[in-house]
Amino acid sequence: MWKEENNSLNRTFKFSDFREAFSFMTEIAFYAEKADHHPNWSNVYNTVEISLNTHDAGNIVTDKDRKLAADIDKVYSKYSS
């Protein structure tokens, strides 16, 4: 579940291994590039942490962040079933 705190949307995603986590990030990269909205994220082995806020709006959460979060959730649903 996404948490809105410190002017960003944050969520941690868990996967079975590094390859699965990296595949998830690769797919998200296409959504982010299309939206011209790029997440702050990190990956350690099977864990991906994502933080979203809109830099152009003064580093606050906007509809642009909520839309990308929804796209990320759709992608993650393929991995978490």
C-alpha atoms as a PDB file:
ATOM      1  CA  MET A   1       0.000   0.000   0.000  1.00  0.00           C
ATOM      2  CA  TRP A   2       1.253   3.482  -0.858  1.00  0.00           C
ATOM      3  CA  LYS A   3       1.870   5.852   2.061  1.00  0.00           C
ATOM      4  CA  GLU A   4       1.832   9.593   1.605  1.00  0.00           C
ATOM      5  CA  GLU A   5       4.393  11.147   3.917  1.00  0.00           C
ATOM      6  CA  ASN A   6       7.001  13.912   3.731  1.00  0.00           C
ATOM      7  CA  ASN A   7       5.506  15.233   0.478  1.00  0.00           C
ATOM      8  CA  SER A   8       5.920  11.940  -1.366  1.00  0.00           C
ATOM      9  CA  LEU A   9       4.159   8.669  -2.081  1.00  0.00           C
ATOM     10  CA  ASN A  10       6.224   5.737  -0.806  1.00  0.00           C
ATOM     11  CA  ARG A  11       5.975   2.000  -1.174  1.00  0.00           C
ATOM     12  CA  THR A  12       8.194  -1.058  -0.784  1.00  0.00           C
ATOM     13  CA  PHE A  13       7.816  -4.006  -3.153  1.00  0.00           C
ATOM     14  CA  LYS A  14       9.126  -7.541  -2.497  1.00  0.00           C
ATOM     15  CA  PHE A  15       9.992 -10.158  -5.098  1.00  0.00           C
ATOM     16  CA  SER A  16      11.267 -13.712  -5.168  1.00  0.00           C
ATOM     17  CA  ASP A  17      14.737 -12.712  -6.361  1.00  0.00           C
ATOM     18  CA  PHE A  18      16.868  -9.974  -7.911  1.00  0.00           C
ATOM     19  CA  ARG A  19      15.965 -10.845 -11.489  1.00  0.00           C
ATOM     20  CA  GLU A  20      12.256 -10.481 -10.780  1.00  0.00           C
ATOM     21  CA  ALA A  21      12.801  -7.166  -8.966  1.00  0.00           C
ATOM     22  CA  PHE A  22      14.897  -5.837 -11.827  1.00  0.00           C
ATOM     23  CA  SER A  23      12.327  -6.966 -14.413  1.00  0.00           C
ATOM     24  CA  PHE A  24       9.694  -5.021 -12.488  1.00  0.00           C
ATOM     25  CA  MET A  25      11.888  -1.908 -12.488  1.00  0.00           C
ATOM     26  CA  THR A  26      12.530  -2.257 -16.208  1.00  0.00           C
ATOM     27  CA  GLU A  27       8.819  -2.389 -16.965  1.00  0.00           C
ATOM     28  CA  ILE A  28       8.151   0.613 -14.706  1.00  0.00           C
ATOM     29  CA  ALA A  29      10.850   2.542 -16.562  1.00  0.00           C
ATOM     30  CA  PHE A  30       8.751   2.432 -19.743  1.00  0.00           C
ATOM     31  CA  TYR A  31       5.695   3.845 -17.938  1.00  0.00           C
ATOM     32  CA  ALA A  32       7.808   6.536 -16.284  1.00  0.00           C
ATOM     33  CA  GLU A  33       9.471   7.577 -19.512  1.00  0.00           C
ATOM     34  CA  LYS A  34       6.152   7.767 -21.360  1.00  0.00           C
ATOM     35  CA  ALA A  35       4.752   9.992 -18.598  1.00  0.00           C
ATOM     36  CA  ASP A  36       7.989  12.010 -18.401  1.00  0.00           C
ATOM     37  CA  HIS A  37       7.821  11.360 -14.674  1.00  0.00           C
ATOM     38  CA  HIS A  38      10.666   9.459 -13.079  1.00  0.00           C
ATOM     39  CA  PRO A  39      10.613   7.845  -9.636  1.00  0.00           C
ATOM     40  CA  ASN A  40      13.199   7.987  -6.924  1.00  0.00           C
ATOM     41  CA  TRP A  41      13.905   4.330  -6.286  1.00  0.00           C
ATOM     42  CA  SER A  42      16.364   1.847  -4.941  1.00  0.00           C
ATOM     43  CA  ASN A  43      16.848  -1.884  -5.317  1.00  0.00           C
ATOM     44  CA  VAL A  44      18.602  -4.262  -2.966  1.00  0.00           C
ATOM     45  CA  TYR A  45      18.358  -7.893  -4.055  1.00  0.00           C
ATOM     46  CA  ASN A  46      14.603  -8.673  -3.994  1.00  0.00           C
ATOM     47  CA  THR A  47      13.346  -5.364  -2.595  1.00  0.00           C
ATOM     48  CA  VAL A  48      12.435  -2.221  -4.548  1.00  0.00           C
ATOM     49  CA  GLU A  49      11.624   0.995  -2.689  1.00  0.00           C
ATOM     50  CA  ILE A  50       9.886   3.746  -4.663  1.00  0.00           C
ATOM     51  CA  SER A  51       9.234   7.355  -3.726  1.00  0.00           C
ATOM     52  CA  LEU A  52       7.157   9.619  -5.976  1.00  0.00           C
ATOM     53  CA  ASN A  53       6.706  13.375  -5.983  1.00  0.00           C
ATOM     54  CA  THR A  54       6.499  16.003  -8.698  1.00  0.00           C
ATOM     55  CA  HIS A  55       9.673  18.049  -8.916  1.00  0.00           C
ATOM     56  CA  ASP A  56       8.128  20.661 -11.250  1.00  0.00           C
ATOM     57  CA  ALA A  57       5.384  21.332  -8.682  1.00  0.00           C
ATOM     58  CA  GLY A  58       7.802  21.981  -5.841  1.00  0.00           C
ATOM     59  CA  ASN A  59       8.401  18.374  -4.743  1.00  0.00           C
ATOM     60  CA  ILE A  60       4.851  17.645  -3.645  1.00  0.00           C
ATOM     61  CA  VAL A  61       2.436  14.820  -4.458  1.00  0.00           C
ATOM     62  CA  THR A  62       0.260  15.535  -7.489  1.00  0.00           C
ATOM     63  CA  ASP A  63      -2.102  13.612  -9.756  1.00  0.00           C
ATOM     64  CA  LYS A  64       0.939  12.782 -11.889  1.00  0.00           C
ATOM     65  CA  ASP A  65       2.326  10.784  -8.941  1.00  0.00           C
ATOM     66  CA  ARG A  66      -0.972   9.071  -8.242  1.00  0.00           C
ATOM     67  CA  LYS A  67      -1.279   8.033 -11.905  1.00  0.00           C
ATOM     68  CA  LEU A  68       2.228   6.569 -11.977  1.00  0.00           C
ATOM     69  CA  ALA A  69       1.569   4.818  -8.637  1.00  0.00           C
ATOM     70  CA  ALA A  70      -1.550   3.212 -10.157  1.00  0.00           C
ATOM     71  CA  ASP A  71       0.482   2.055 -13.170  1.00  0.00           C
ATOM     72  CA  ILE A  72       3.145   0.643 -10.846  1.00  0.00           C
ATOM     73  CA  ASP A  73       0.462  -1.245  -8.901  1.00  0.00           C
ATOM     74  CA  LYS A  74      -0.844  -2.757 -12.154  1.00  0.00           C
ATOM     75  CA  VAL A  75       2.620  -3.979 -13.055  1.00  0.00           C
ATOM     76  CA  TYR A  76       3.229  -5.344  -9.553  1.00  0.00           C
ATOM     77  CA  SER A  77      -0.034  -7.306  -9.642  1.00  0.00           C
ATOM     78  CA  LYS A  78       1.560  -9.567 -12.257  1.00  0.00           C
ATOM     79  CA  TYR A  79       4.347 -10.438  -9.808  1.00  0.00           C
ATOM     80  CA  SER A  80       2.374 -10.701  -6.597  1.00  0.00           C
ATOM     81  CA  SER A  81      -0.353 -13.106  -7.706  1.00  0.00           C
END
